[in-house]
Each structure stands twice: as C-alpha cells, then as structure tokens.
Amino acid sequence: MKHGKKYNAALSQYDRATLFDSAEAIETVKKTATAKFDETVEVHIRTGCDGRHAEQQIRGAVVLPNGTGKTVRVLVFAKGDKIAEAEAAGADYVGGEELIPKIQNDGWLDFDVVVATPDMMGVVGRLGKVLGPKGLMPNPKAGTVTMDVTKAVNDIKAGKIEYRLDKANIIHCPIGKASFSTEQLTQNFDAFMEAIVKAKPSSLKGQYLKSITLATTMGPGVRVSTAKY
C-alpha cells in the first residue's frame, strides 16, 4: 500500500520497531497527527483470544474520564414513564414501535448509540438485521439494555465507549482526539486498559495481549509495550 508524503514524514519521526510506554506512545501519536481536522486517537489490541468460543468473547463498556471528544447521539427505546426519564436525561431521540418502519424502511440512522429498556427488546429485536451489522444493537453487557435509562444516557454522553472482539480477535476503540493533552489521553488509555485487563477470559491459555498499537485517523501506528499489562 502506497502512503502519502505526510504519512511517510510522520513515520520518519520514530522507529516503528520500538515498544513505547503509554505516555511516550501518546506523545508520538500526537506529533504525527498532521491532518487538517482533529483526528481521533484509536487503540488497536491484538488478543490471544479465540472469539469462536463463547467463553472467550470479550464485550463490555467503560466510561473514559475525559470523554471521547465526540458528540454522541443517543436513541432510547422505552415506554411509559421511562420515555420522560430518557428525555430528561438528555437522550436525542426517544420512542417505541413507531420508530421501526422509520429505521427499517426509510434507512434512518441518525444516532450513534441505542439504549433500550428490557421490556422493549422484543420490539428492538426486529431491527437486528439493520442494527446488528452496524454494531448498534443494545446489549446488557455494554449497559445499553437497562431500566436505569438516566445512568445509561449520562454515561454515554460523558464518554462511555463499547469494546468488543472483532472477527480477527482484535479490539478497536477510540480514546479521544489528537487535540487532547497527553495527560488527558493517558488517563483515558489507562481507564480503557484497566477494563480490558479485567475482561480477560478465565478460560484463556497463553498470552492474552499480543500487541497494543496507538494511531490517529490518518497517522501510522505506534506500538505500546504490553509488559505492564
């Protein structure tokens, strides 16, 4: 794959084979963010898990202390007094069965996270083919299927991110923006890594974290030492 001048210039600033500690890696990543927009800083973790086994699936959520730097639009499926509760908590959209055709037929997807009360999952389940592939399906492990919609909405707006194993057994997650300070990004990274370490499947034999890479949207990857974890 051929890269542009900016990418290659960024690469020349450090040795790709070096394993940095998290703060050094974050400083390096910030230096290599040269795009004209505020790039997202992402973490990519290659694990030793085998996602084909249910007990080695990793999925959860963590609230980043400094948020993600992104405005997140929340859709809540609820009924009864939970509708008013979701609206009061600051949900962008709240509704029930009437939203199904809008999403299914009109292709309406102007939201980033979907929360549902357990009694609405029968309705939301009908959207599985639309929401599932986009990673938008509410899930109890991620805290998005809950009766406590106030907490769910507040956490998401405060910078809660979901993490899960992809088909290649890698976890990809945003931890902030390149404009964040090194300290803010380090705090977010530490909170995220703490959650990942806790999520280690008990049935896993062998190495859990094979590699950790930090990168901005357009920049090259910077490797983080796994020794600490």
C-alpha atoms as a PDB file:
ATOM      1  CA  MET A   1       0.000   0.000   0.000  1.00  0.00           C
ATOM      2  CA  LYS A   2       1.380   3.373  -1.051  1.00  0.00           C
ATOM      3  CA  HIS A   3       1.269   6.175   1.527  1.00  0.00           C
ATOM      4  CA  GLY A   4       1.363   9.940   1.041  1.00  0.00           C
ATOM      5  CA  LYS A   5       4.135  12.394   1.946  1.00  0.00           C
ATOM      6  CA  LYS A   6       2.598  13.362   5.295  1.00  0.00           C
ATOM      7  CA  TYR A   7       2.277   9.734   6.378  1.00  0.00           C
ATOM      8  CA  ASN A   8       5.872   8.975   5.394  1.00  0.00           C
ATOM      9  CA  ALA A   9       7.106  12.158   7.111  1.00  0.00           C
ATOM     10  CA  ALA A  10       5.284  11.049  10.285  1.00  0.00           C
ATOM     11  CA  LEU A  11       6.890   7.609  10.024  1.00  0.00           C
ATOM     12  CA  SER A  12      10.362   9.143   9.870  1.00  0.00           C
ATOM     13  CA  GLN A  13       9.875  10.703  13.337  1.00  0.00           C
ATOM     14  CA  TYR A  14      10.214   7.427  15.247  1.00  0.00           C
ATOM     15  CA  ASP A  15      11.326   3.803  14.975  1.00  0.00           C
ATOM     16  CA  ARG A  16       8.353   1.564  14.202  1.00  0.00           C
ATOM     17  CA  ALA A  17      10.002  -1.401  15.924  1.00  0.00           C
ATOM     18  CA  THR A  18      10.264   0.434  19.270  1.00  0.00           C
ATOM     19  CA  LEU A  19       7.852  -0.524  22.051  1.00  0.00           C
ATOM     20  CA  PHE A  20       6.968   2.688  23.905  1.00  0.00           C
ATOM     21  CA  ASP A  21       5.353   3.157  27.289  1.00  0.00           C
ATOM     22  CA  SER A  22       1.831   4.615  27.002  1.00  0.00           C
ATOM     23  CA  ALA A  23       2.720   8.294  27.647  1.00  0.00           C
ATOM     24  CA  GLU A  24       5.606   8.206  25.106  1.00  0.00           C
ATOM     25  CA  ALA A  25       3.379   6.474  22.547  1.00  0.00           C
ATOM     26  CA  ILE A  26       0.661   9.102  23.039  1.00  0.00           C
ATOM     27  CA  GLU A  27       3.156  11.967  22.608  1.00  0.00           C
ATOM     28  CA  THR A  28       4.458  10.333  19.429  1.00  0.00           C
ATOM     29  CA  VAL A  29       0.934   9.824  18.082  1.00  0.00           C
ATOM     30  CA  LYS A  30       0.066  13.483  18.788  1.00  0.00           C
ATOM     31  CA  LYS A  31       3.190  14.597  16.888  1.00  0.00           C
ATOM     32  CA  THR A  32       2.227  12.523  13.862  1.00  0.00           C
ATOM     33  CA  ALA A  33      -1.351  13.907  13.656  1.00  0.00           C
ATOM     34  CA  THR A  34      -0.995  16.308  10.733  1.00  0.00           C
ATOM     35  CA  ALA A  35      -4.435  16.181   9.098  1.00  0.00           C
ATOM     36  CA  LYS A  36      -6.461  19.373   8.701  1.00  0.00           C
ATOM     37  CA  PHE A  37      -9.156  18.059  11.087  1.00  0.00           C
ATOM     38  CA  ASP A  38      -8.969  16.962  14.733  1.00  0.00           C
ATOM     39  CA  GLU A  39      -8.036  13.308  14.318  1.00  0.00           C
ATOM     40  CA  THR A  40      -9.381  10.586  16.593  1.00  0.00           C
ATOM     41  CA  VAL A  41      -6.808   8.632  18.597  1.00  0.00           C
ATOM     42  CA  GLU A  42      -7.552   4.911  18.443  1.00  0.00           C
ATOM     43  CA  VAL A  43      -6.249   1.853  20.298  1.00  0.00           C
ATOM     44  CA  HIS A  44      -5.930  -1.485  18.489  1.00  0.00           C
ATOM     45  CA  ILE A  45      -5.297  -4.557  20.660  1.00  0.00           C
ATOM     46  CA  ARG A  46      -4.455  -7.925  19.137  1.00  0.00           C
ATOM     47  CA  THR A  47      -5.501 -10.601  21.612  1.00  0.00           C
ATOM     48  CA  GLY A  48      -4.758 -14.280  22.059  1.00  0.00           C
ATOM     49  CA  CYS A  49      -8.492 -14.997  22.394  1.00  0.00           C
ATOM     50  CA  ASP A  50     -10.447 -17.192  20.022  1.00  0.00           C
ATOM     51  CA  GLY A  51     -13.776 -15.455  19.526  1.00  0.00           C
ATOM     52  CA  ARG A  52     -15.291 -18.620  18.038  1.00  0.00           C
ATOM     53  CA  HIS A  53     -15.588 -19.867  21.622  1.00  0.00           C
ATOM     54  CA  ALA A  54     -18.367 -18.097  23.538  1.00  0.00           C
ATOM     55  CA  GLU A  55     -16.355 -18.095  26.780  1.00  0.00           C
ATOM     56  CA  GLN A  56     -13.514 -16.216  25.046  1.00  0.00           C
ATOM     57  CA  GLN A  57     -15.723 -13.475  23.634  1.00  0.00           C
ATOM     58  CA  ILE A  58     -14.891 -10.046  25.055  1.00  0.00           C
ATOM     59  CA  ARG A  59     -17.536  -7.354  25.207  1.00  0.00           C
ATOM     60  CA  GLY A  60     -18.148  -4.516  27.599  1.00  0.00           C
ATOM     61  CA  ALA A  61     -18.044  -0.778  28.103  1.00  0.00           C
ATOM     62  CA  VAL A  62     -16.003   1.783  30.010  1.00  0.00           C
ATOM     63  CA  VAL A  63     -16.512   5.481  30.753  1.00  0.00           C
ATOM     64  CA  LEU A  64     -13.420   7.455  29.708  1.00  0.00           C
ATOM     65  CA  PRO A  65     -12.552  10.091  32.364  1.00  0.00           C
ATOM     66  CA  ASN A  66     -12.074  12.810  29.727  1.00  0.00           C
ATOM     67  CA  GLY A  67     -14.693  11.692  27.213  1.00  0.00           C
ATOM     68  CA  THR A  68     -14.080  10.948  23.531  1.00  0.00           C
ATOM     69  CA  GLY A  69     -14.257  14.499  22.212  1.00  0.00           C
ATOM     70  CA  LYS A  70     -17.217  13.459  20.078  1.00  0.00           C
ATOM     71  CA  THR A  71     -20.855  14.499  20.480  1.00  0.00           C
ATOM     72  CA  VAL A  72     -22.780  11.238  20.730  1.00  0.00           C
ATOM     73  CA  ARG A  73     -26.394  10.992  19.585  1.00  0.00           C
ATOM     74  CA  VAL A  74     -28.434   8.596  21.734  1.00  0.00           C
ATOM     75  CA  LEU A  75     -31.655   6.834  20.740  1.00  0.00           C
ATOM     76  CA  VAL A  76     -33.681   5.281  23.576  1.00  0.00           C
ATOM     77  CA  PHE A  77     -36.419   2.684  23.060  1.00  0.00           C
ATOM     78  CA  ALA A  78     -38.768   2.963  26.034  1.00  0.00           C
ATOM     79  CA  LYS A  79     -42.406   3.148  27.070  1.00  0.00           C
ATOM     80  CA  GLY A  80     -44.499   4.578  29.899  1.00  0.00           C
ATOM     81  CA  ASP A  81     -42.714   6.827  32.407  1.00  0.00           C
ATOM     82  CA  LYS A  82     -39.328   5.746  31.019  1.00  0.00           C
ATOM     83  CA  ILE A  83     -39.961   7.963  27.972  1.00  0.00           C
ATOM     84  CA  ALA A  84     -39.984  11.124  30.115  1.00  0.00           C
ATOM     85  CA  GLU A  85     -36.987   9.821  32.097  1.00  0.00           C
ATOM     86  CA  ALA A  86     -34.954   9.314  28.895  1.00  0.00           C
ATOM     87  CA  GLU A  87     -35.890  12.779  27.603  1.00  0.00           C
ATOM     88  CA  ALA A  88     -34.957  14.388  30.931  1.00  0.00           C
ATOM     89  CA  ALA A  89     -31.591  12.597  30.865  1.00  0.00           C
ATOM     90  CA  GLY A  90     -30.784  14.225  27.510  1.00  0.00           C
ATOM     91  CA  ALA A  91     -31.482  11.430  25.014  1.00  0.00           C
ATOM     92  CA  ASP A  92     -31.572  12.833  21.469  1.00  0.00           C
ATOM     93  CA  TYR A  93     -34.408  10.563  20.327  1.00  0.00           C
ATOM     94  CA  VAL A  94     -36.933   8.553  22.349  1.00  0.00           C
ATOM     95  CA  GLY A  95     -39.629   6.279  21.033  1.00  0.00           C
ATOM     96  CA  GLY A  96     -41.038   2.814  20.601  1.00  0.00           C
ATOM     97  CA  GLU A  97     -42.683   0.711  17.932  1.00  0.00           C
ATOM     98  CA  GLU A  98     -43.376   3.750  15.713  1.00  0.00           C
ATOM     99  CA  LEU A  99     -39.608   4.057  15.020  1.00  0.00           C
ATOM    100  CA  ILE A 100     -39.338   0.567  13.486  1.00  0.00           C
ATOM    101  CA  PRO A 101     -40.551   1.479   9.937  1.00  0.00           C
ATOM    102  CA  LYS A 102     -38.532   4.711  10.011  1.00  0.00           C
ATOM    103  CA  ILE A 103     -35.330   2.707  10.612  1.00  0.00           C
ATOM    104  CA  GLN A 104     -36.250  -0.390   8.586  1.00  0.00           C
ATOM    105  CA  ASN A 105     -37.841   1.216   5.537  1.00  0.00           C
ATOM    106  CA  ASP A 106     -36.564   4.796   5.460  1.00  0.00           C
ATOM    107  CA  GLY A 107     -32.991   3.921   6.455  1.00  0.00           C
ATOM    108  CA  TRP A 108     -32.994   6.444   9.321  1.00  0.00           C
ATOM    109  CA  LEU A 109     -29.748   6.012  11.282  1.00  0.00           C
ATOM    110  CA  ASP A 110     -29.025   9.495  12.705  1.00  0.00           C
ATOM    111  CA  PHE A 111     -27.822   8.104  16.036  1.00  0.00           C
ATOM    112  CA  ASP A 112     -24.587   6.655  17.414  1.00  0.00           C
ATOM    113  CA  VAL A 113     -25.800   4.520  20.353  1.00  0.00           C
ATOM    114  CA  VAL A 114     -29.081   2.701  21.006  1.00  0.00           C
ATOM    115  CA  VAL A 115     -30.366   2.123  24.554  1.00  0.00           C
ATOM    116  CA  ALA A 116     -33.424   0.004  25.317  1.00  0.00           C
ATOM    117  CA  THR A 117     -35.368  -0.970  28.420  1.00  0.00           C
ATOM    118  CA  PRO A 118     -35.637  -4.790  28.752  1.00  0.00           C
ATOM    119  CA  ASP A 119     -39.402  -4.694  28.012  1.00  0.00           C
ATOM    120  CA  MET A 120     -38.639  -3.107  24.608  1.00  0.00           C
ATOM    121  CA  MET A 121     -36.149  -5.736  23.416  1.00  0.00           C
ATOM    122  CA  GLY A 122     -38.925  -7.685  21.664  1.00  0.00           C
ATOM    123  CA  VAL A 123     -39.540  -4.622  19.503  1.00  0.00           C
ATOM    124  CA  VAL A 124     -35.843  -3.762  19.053  1.00  0.00           C
ATOM    125  CA  GLY A 125     -35.092  -7.404  18.127  1.00  0.00           C
ATOM    126  CA  ARG A 126     -36.981  -6.849  14.870  1.00  0.00           C
ATOM    127  CA  LEU A 127     -34.247  -4.403  13.870  1.00  0.00           C
ATOM    128  CA  GLY A 128     -31.477  -6.985  14.365  1.00  0.00           C
ATOM    129  CA  LYS A 129     -30.610  -7.187  10.654  1.00  0.00           C
ATOM    130  CA  VAL A 130     -30.231  -3.394  10.435  1.00  0.00           C
ATOM    131  CA  LEU A 131     -28.628  -2.561  13.795  1.00  0.00           C
ATOM    132  CA  GLY A 132     -26.558  -5.748  14.269  1.00  0.00           C
ATOM    133  CA  PRO A 133     -24.088  -5.316  11.377  1.00  0.00           C
ATOM    134  CA  LYS A 134     -23.539  -1.667  12.384  1.00  0.00           C
ATOM    135  CA  GLY A 135     -22.753  -2.630  15.996  1.00  0.00           C
ATOM    136  CA  LEU A 136     -25.769  -0.646  17.229  1.00  0.00           C
ATOM    137  CA  MET A 137     -27.780  -3.459  18.826  1.00  0.00           C
ATOM    138  CA  PRO A 138     -28.373  -2.814  22.560  1.00  0.00           C
ATOM    139  CA  ASN A 139     -26.616  -5.335  24.792  1.00  0.00           C
ATOM    140  CA  PRO A 140     -26.811  -5.949  28.570  1.00  0.00           C
ATOM    141  CA  LYS A 141     -23.010  -6.442  28.789  1.00  0.00           C
ATOM    142  CA  ALA A 142     -22.470  -2.976  27.351  1.00  0.00           C
ATOM    143  CA  GLY A 143     -25.045  -1.486  29.735  1.00  0.00           C
ATOM    144  CA  THR A 144     -27.367  -0.480  26.883  1.00  0.00           C
ATOM    145  CA  VAL A 145     -30.221  -2.802  27.902  1.00  0.00           C
ATOM    146  CA  THR A 146     -31.298  -1.394  31.258  1.00  0.00           C
ATOM    147  CA  MET A 147     -34.190   0.060  33.264  1.00  0.00           C
ATOM    148  CA  ASP A 148     -31.843   2.796  34.513  1.00  0.00           C
ATOM    149  CA  VAL A 149     -32.020   4.894  31.349  1.00  0.00           C
ATOM    150  CA  THR A 150     -30.821   8.022  33.183  1.00  0.00           C
ATOM    151  CA  LYS A 151     -27.485   6.386  34.067  1.00  0.00           C
ATOM    152  CA  ALA A 152     -27.157   4.837  30.598  1.00  0.00           C
ATOM    153  CA  VAL A 153     -27.682   8.156  28.800  1.00  0.00           C
ATOM    154  CA  ASN A 154     -25.487  10.115  31.243  1.00  0.00           C
ATOM    155  CA  ASP A 155     -22.624   7.599  30.925  1.00  0.00           C
ATOM    156  CA  ILE A 156     -22.772   7.620  27.121  1.00  0.00           C
ATOM    157  CA  LYS A 157     -22.847  11.429  26.970  1.00  0.00           C
ATOM    158  CA  ALA A 158     -19.928  11.549  29.455  1.00  0.00           C
ATOM    159  CA  GLY A 159     -17.717   9.452  27.183  1.00  0.00           C
ATOM    160  CA  LYS A 160     -18.671   5.815  27.604  1.00  0.00           C
ATOM    161  CA  ILE A 161     -17.266   3.585  24.872  1.00  0.00           C
ATOM    162  CA  GLU A 162     -18.096  -0.008  23.997  1.00  0.00           C
ATOM    163  CA  TYR A 163     -15.402  -2.537  23.192  1.00  0.00           C
ATOM    164  CA  ARG A 164     -15.713  -5.944  21.602  1.00  0.00           C
ATOM    165  CA  LEU A 165     -13.630  -8.573  19.866  1.00  0.00           C
ATOM    166  CA  ASP A 166     -13.852  -8.473  16.076  1.00  0.00           C
ATOM    167  CA  LYS A 167     -13.613 -11.492  13.754  1.00  0.00           C
ATOM    168  CA  ALA A 168      -9.803 -11.270  13.756  1.00  0.00           C
ATOM    169  CA  ASN A 169      -9.764 -11.252  17.613  1.00  0.00           C
ATOM    170  CA  ILE A 170      -8.738  -7.594  17.682  1.00  0.00           C
ATOM    171  CA  ILE A 171     -10.313  -4.831  19.798  1.00  0.00           C
ATOM    172  CA  HIS A 172     -10.511  -1.355  18.204  1.00  0.00           C
ATOM    173  CA  CYS A 173     -11.549   1.667  20.287  1.00  0.00           C
ATOM    174  CA  PRO A 174     -11.340   5.475  20.222  1.00  0.00           C
ATOM    175  CA  ILE A 175      -9.832   7.075  23.346  1.00  0.00           C
ATOM    176  CA  GLY A 176     -10.065  10.767  22.452  1.00  0.00           C
ATOM    177  CA  LYS A 177      -8.869  13.380  19.978  1.00  0.00           C
ATOM    178  CA  ALA A 178      -5.386  14.459  18.913  1.00  0.00           C
ATOM    179  CA  SER A 179      -6.167  17.906  20.385  1.00  0.00           C
ATOM    180  CA  PHE A 180      -6.446  16.373  23.882  1.00  0.00           C
ATOM    181  CA  SER A 181      -3.457  16.877  26.181  1.00  0.00           C
ATOM    182  CA  THR A 182      -1.032  13.974  26.698  1.00  0.00           C
ATOM    183  CA  GLU A 183      -2.326  13.741  30.266  1.00  0.00           C
ATOM    184  CA  GLN A 184      -5.984  13.502  29.177  1.00  0.00           C
ATOM    185  CA  LEU A 185      -5.220  10.817  26.596  1.00  0.00           C
ATOM    186  CA  THR A 186      -3.044   8.892  29.083  1.00  0.00           C
ATOM    187  CA  GLN A 187      -5.869   8.904  31.659  1.00  0.00           C
ATOM    188  CA  ASN A 188      -8.329   7.662  29.032  1.00  0.00           C
ATOM    189  CA  PHE A 189      -5.896   4.995  27.824  1.00  0.00           C
ATOM    190  CA  ASP A 190      -5.255   3.785  31.387  1.00  0.00           C
ATOM    191  CA  ALA A 191      -9.007   3.549  32.131  1.00  0.00           C
ATOM    192  CA  PHE A 192      -9.556   1.621  28.900  1.00  0.00           C
ATOM    193  CA  MET A 193      -6.650  -0.780  29.525  1.00  0.00           C
ATOM    194  CA  GLU A 194      -7.834  -1.422  33.091  1.00  0.00           C
ATOM    195  CA  ALA A 195     -11.216  -2.535  31.687  1.00  0.00           C
ATOM    196  CA  ILE A 196      -9.565  -4.749  29.054  1.00  0.00           C
ATOM    197  CA  VAL A 197      -7.273  -6.428  31.618  1.00  0.00           C
ATOM    198  CA  LYS A 198     -10.306  -7.127  33.858  1.00  0.00           C
ATOM    199  CA  ALA A 199     -12.166  -8.605  30.872  1.00  0.00           C
ATOM    200  CA  LYS A 200      -9.571 -11.357  30.343  1.00  0.00           C
ATOM    201  CA  PRO A 201     -11.453 -14.660  29.867  1.00  0.00           C
ATOM    202  CA  SER A 202     -10.656 -17.148  32.660  1.00  0.00           C
ATOM    203  CA  SER A 203     -10.572 -19.996  30.121  1.00  0.00           C
ATOM    204  CA  LEU A 204      -7.787 -18.388  28.059  1.00  0.00           C
ATOM    205  CA  LYS A 205      -4.495 -20.281  27.973  1.00  0.00           C
ATOM    206  CA  GLY A 206      -1.390 -18.479  26.760  1.00  0.00           C
ATOM    207  CA  GLN A 207      -0.779 -14.803  26.083  1.00  0.00           C
ATOM    208  CA  TYR A 208      -3.788 -12.500  26.383  1.00  0.00           C
ATOM    209  CA  LEU A 209      -2.485  -9.212  24.945  1.00  0.00           C
ATOM    210  CA  LYS A 210      -0.288  -9.911  21.918  1.00  0.00           C
ATOM    211  CA  SER A 211       0.167  -6.319  20.779  1.00  0.00           C
ATOM    212  CA  ILE A 212      -1.121  -2.820  21.512  1.00  0.00           C
ATOM    213  CA  THR A 213      -0.977  -0.121  18.838  1.00  0.00           C
ATOM    214  CA  LEU A 214      -1.991   3.536  19.043  1.00  0.00           C
ATOM    215  CA  ALA A 215      -2.790   5.512  15.912  1.00  0.00           C
ATOM    216  CA  THR A 216      -4.637   8.621  14.774  1.00  0.00           C
ATOM    217  CA  THR A 217      -7.251   8.516  11.999  1.00  0.00           C
ATOM    218  CA  MET A 218      -4.714   9.275   9.251  1.00  0.00           C
ATOM    219  CA  GLY A 219      -1.425   8.554  11.019  1.00  0.00           C
ATOM    220  CA  PRO A 220       0.824   5.492  11.305  1.00  0.00           C
ATOM    221  CA  GLY A 221       0.644   3.058  14.213  1.00  0.00           C
ATOM    222  CA  VAL A 222       2.845   3.432  17.301  1.00  0.00           C
ATOM    223  CA  ARG A 223       3.459   0.281  19.322  1.00  0.00           C
ATOM    224  CA  VAL A 224       2.918   0.200  23.093  1.00  0.00           C
ATOM    225  CA  SER A 225       4.729  -2.253  25.335  1.00  0.00           C
ATOM    226  CA  THR A 226       2.420  -4.941  26.759  1.00  0.00           C
ATOM    227  CA  ALA A 227       4.836  -5.744  29.630  1.00  0.00           C
ATOM    228  CA  LYS A 228       2.937  -3.590  32.146  1.00  0.00           C
ATOM    229  CA  TYR A 229      -0.312  -5.450  31.486  1.00  0.00           C
END
